[in-house]
C-alpha atoms as a PDB file:
ATOM      1  CA  MET A   1      21.654 -26.831   8.474  1.00  0.00           C
ATOM      2  CA  THR A   2      19.153 -25.131   6.214  1.00  0.00           C
ATOM      3  CA  LYS A   3      20.028 -21.892   4.560  1.00  0.00           C
ATOM      4  CA  ALA A   4      17.780 -18.812   5.082  1.00  0.00           C
ATOM      5  CA  ASN A   5      15.965 -17.901   1.911  1.00  0.00           C
ATOM      6  CA  ILE A   6      15.142 -14.401   0.389  1.00  0.00           C
ATOM      7  CA  SER A   7      12.085 -14.893  -1.689  1.00  0.00           C
ATOM      8  CA  LYS A   8      11.148 -12.848  -4.683  1.00  0.00           C
ATOM      9  CA  ALA A   9       8.111 -11.502  -2.722  1.00  0.00           C
ATOM     10  CA  ASP A  10      10.539 -10.459   0.166  1.00  0.00           C
ATOM     11  CA  LEU A  11      12.701  -8.438  -2.172  1.00  0.00           C
ATOM     12  CA  ILE A  12       9.867  -6.825  -3.992  1.00  0.00           C
ATOM     13  CA  GLU A  13       8.211  -5.907  -0.687  1.00  0.00           C
ATOM     14  CA  GLN A  14      11.392  -4.024   0.340  1.00  0.00           C
ATOM     15  CA  LEU A  15      11.572  -2.245  -3.035  1.00  0.00           C
ATOM     16  CA  GLN A  16       7.868  -1.286  -2.919  1.00  0.00           C
ATOM     17  CA  GLN A  17       8.333   0.046   0.610  1.00  0.00           C
ATOM     18  CA  TRP A  18      11.177   2.269  -0.633  1.00  0.00           C
ATOM     19  CA  GLN A  19       9.312   3.196  -3.690  1.00  0.00           C
ATOM     20  CA  THR A  20       6.434   4.565  -1.500  1.00  0.00           C
ATOM     21  CA  ALA A  21       8.770   6.254   0.936  1.00  0.00           C
ATOM     22  CA  GLN A  22       7.816   3.817   3.824  1.00  0.00           C
ATOM     23  CA  ILE A  23      11.624   3.246   4.246  1.00  0.00           C
ATOM     24  CA  SER A  24      14.549   5.426   3.275  1.00  0.00           C
ATOM     25  CA  ALA A  25      17.445   4.540   0.760  1.00  0.00           C
ATOM     26  CA  GLU A  26      19.552   3.952   3.750  1.00  0.00           C
ATOM     27  CA  GLN A  27      17.156   1.421   5.185  1.00  0.00           C
ATOM     28  CA  LEU A  28      16.828  -0.332   1.900  1.00  0.00           C
ATOM     29  CA  GLN A  29      20.634  -0.525   1.651  1.00  0.00           C
ATOM     30  CA  ASP A  30      20.853  -1.693   5.322  1.00  0.00           C
ATOM     31  CA  TRP A  31      18.332  -4.452   4.432  1.00  0.00           C
ATOM     32  CA  MET A  32      20.417  -5.545   1.404  1.00  0.00           C
ATOM     33  CA  VAL A  33      23.645  -5.549   3.434  1.00  0.00           C
ATOM     34  CA  THR A  34      22.078  -7.524   6.138  1.00  0.00           C
ATOM     35  CA  HIS A  35      20.331 -10.096   4.022  1.00  0.00           C
ATOM     36  CA  TYR A  36      22.405 -10.416   0.857  1.00  0.00           C
ATOM     37  CA  ASP A  37      25.173 -13.005   1.483  1.00  0.00           C
ATOM     38  CA  PRO A  38      24.977 -15.579  -1.344  1.00  0.00           C
ATOM     39  CA  ASP A  39      27.316 -18.010   0.533  1.00  0.00           C
ATOM     40  CA  GLU A  40      24.990 -17.863   3.696  1.00  0.00           C
ATOM     41  CA  VAL A  41      21.462 -17.213   2.183  1.00  0.00           C
ATOM     42  CA  SER A  42      19.515 -18.799  -0.620  1.00  0.00           C
ATOM     43  CA  ILE A  43      18.356 -16.135  -3.129  1.00  0.00           C
ATOM     44  CA  GLY A  44      15.029 -16.917  -4.896  1.00  0.00           C
ATOM     45  CA  GLN A  45      14.791 -20.567  -4.005  1.00  0.00           C
ATOM     46  CA  GLY A  46      12.429 -22.293  -6.380  1.00  0.00           C
ATOM     47  CA  GLU A  47      12.357 -19.437  -8.904  1.00  0.00           C
ATOM     48  CA  CYS A  48      13.566 -19.730 -12.466  1.00  0.00           C
ATOM     49  CA  GLU A  49      17.134 -19.188 -13.272  1.00  0.00           C
ATOM     50  CA  TRP A  50      16.732 -15.712 -14.795  1.00  0.00           C
ATOM     51  CA  THR A  51      14.694 -14.539 -11.898  1.00  0.00           C
ATOM     52  CA  VAL A  52      17.384 -15.648  -9.429  1.00  0.00           C
ATOM     53  CA  GLU A  53      19.989 -13.924 -11.477  1.00  0.00           C
ATOM     54  CA  ALA A  54      17.957 -10.742 -11.573  1.00  0.00           C
ATOM     55  CA  MET A  55      17.428 -10.888  -7.830  1.00  0.00           C
ATOM     56  CA  ASN A  56      21.133 -11.245  -7.228  1.00  0.00           C
ATOM     57  CA  ILE A  57      21.873  -8.234  -9.626  1.00  0.00           C
ATOM     58  CA  VAL A  58      19.351  -5.842  -7.921  1.00  0.00           C
ATOM     59  CA  MET A  59      20.497  -6.956  -4.416  1.00  0.00           C
ATOM     60  CA  ASN A  60      24.178  -6.503  -5.249  1.00  0.00           C
ATOM     61  CA  GLU A  61      23.604  -3.111  -6.923  1.00  0.00           C
ATOM     62  CA  TYR A  62      21.608  -1.722  -3.955  1.00  0.00           C
ATOM     63  CA  GLU A  63      24.138  -3.209  -1.578  1.00  0.00           C
ATOM     64  CA  ILE A  64      27.277  -1.520  -3.131  1.00  0.00           C
ATOM     65  CA  ALA A  65      25.827   1.737  -4.803  1.00  0.00           C
ATOM     66  CA  LYS A  66      26.285   4.992  -2.927  1.00  0.00           C
ATOM     67  CA  LEU A  67      23.079   6.240  -1.415  1.00  0.00           C
ATOM     68  CA  ASP A  68      23.141   9.468  -3.351  1.00  0.00           C
ATOM     69  CA  LYS A  69      23.048   7.503  -6.578  1.00  0.00           C
ATOM     70  CA  PHE A  70      19.714   5.671  -5.783  1.00  0.00           C
ATOM     71  CA  ARG A  71      16.716   6.916  -7.919  1.00  0.00           C
ATOM     72  CA  GLN A  72      13.595   6.265  -5.812  1.00  0.00           C
ATOM     73  CA  GLU A  73      11.556   7.414  -8.836  1.00  0.00           C
ATOM     74  CA  ASN A  74      12.884   4.527 -10.835  1.00  0.00           C
ATOM     75  CA  ALA A  75      12.432   1.659  -8.207  1.00  0.00           C
ATOM     76  CA  GLN A  76       9.794   0.180 -10.564  1.00  0.00           C
ATOM     77  CA  LEU A  77      12.664  -0.676 -12.899  1.00  0.00           C
ATOM     78  CA  ALA A  78      14.152  -3.044 -10.237  1.00  0.00           C
ATOM     79  CA  ILE A  79      10.758  -4.625  -9.656  1.00  0.00           C
ATOM     80  CA  ASP A  80      10.012  -4.999 -13.357  1.00  0.00           C
ATOM     81  CA  PHE A  81      13.521  -6.657 -13.796  1.00  0.00           C
ATOM     82  CA  ILE A  82      12.782  -9.238 -11.012  1.00  0.00           C
ATOM     83  CA  GLN A  83       9.279 -10.050 -12.366  1.00  0.00           C
ATOM     84  CA  GLY A  84      10.320 -10.006 -16.005  1.00  0.00           C
ATOM     85  CA  GLU A  85      10.034 -12.769 -18.417  1.00  0.00           C
ATOM     86  CA  GLU A  86      13.206 -14.460 -19.865  1.00  0.00           C
ATOM     87  CA  ALA A  87      12.561 -12.965 -23.298  1.00  0.00           C
ATOM     88  CA  ARG A  88      12.953  -9.563 -21.776  1.00  0.00           C
ATOM     89  CA  PHE A  89      15.710 -10.273 -19.339  1.00  0.00           C
ATOM     90  CA  ASN A  90      18.404  -8.205 -21.243  1.00  0.00           C
ATOM     91  CA  GLN A  91      16.134  -5.351 -21.789  1.00  0.00           C
ATOM     92  CA  THR A  92      14.884  -5.082 -18.257  1.00  0.00           C
ATOM     93  CA  ARG A  93      18.423  -5.502 -16.827  1.00  0.00           C
ATOM     94  CA  HIS A  94      19.674  -2.655 -19.087  1.00  0.00           C
ATOM     95  CA  LEU A  95      16.894  -0.344 -18.117  1.00  0.00           C
ATOM     96  CA  PHE A  96      17.509  -1.031 -14.297  1.00  0.00           C
ATOM     97  CA  LEU A  97      21.217  -0.578 -14.526  1.00  0.00           C
ATOM     98  CA  GLN A  98      21.002   2.461 -16.815  1.00  0.00           C
ATOM     99  CA  ASP A  99      18.078   4.477 -15.188  1.00  0.00           C
ATOM    100  CA  GLY A 100      18.007   2.895 -11.685  1.00  0.00           C
ATOM    101  CA  PHE A 101      20.900   4.910 -10.480  1.00  0.00           C
ATOM    102  CA  LYS A 102      22.188   8.451 -11.195  1.00  0.00           C
ATOM    103  CA  ASP A 103      25.444   8.657 -13.098  1.00  0.00           C
END
């Protein structure tokens, strides 16, 4: 049996829809909860290792964070993290985790 796959483009599309208020934070989280199951779904199949790790971090954070902690104005940080180069992985991860959510 073949696992379903969440592509980098799929994830970025969801984040961009939220960023532009086409979907709510609740709808974004519902998508993450529905689709993020590393045991059942392949994440970023065919992508480089750091992109897959970034996708897993982003999906996990949006899956478990409280909705009132989401910062729509900083959605671009998640997108930048997913699209980032290996040399900037730690920097973009830090920015996403630090500024992507309210304390």
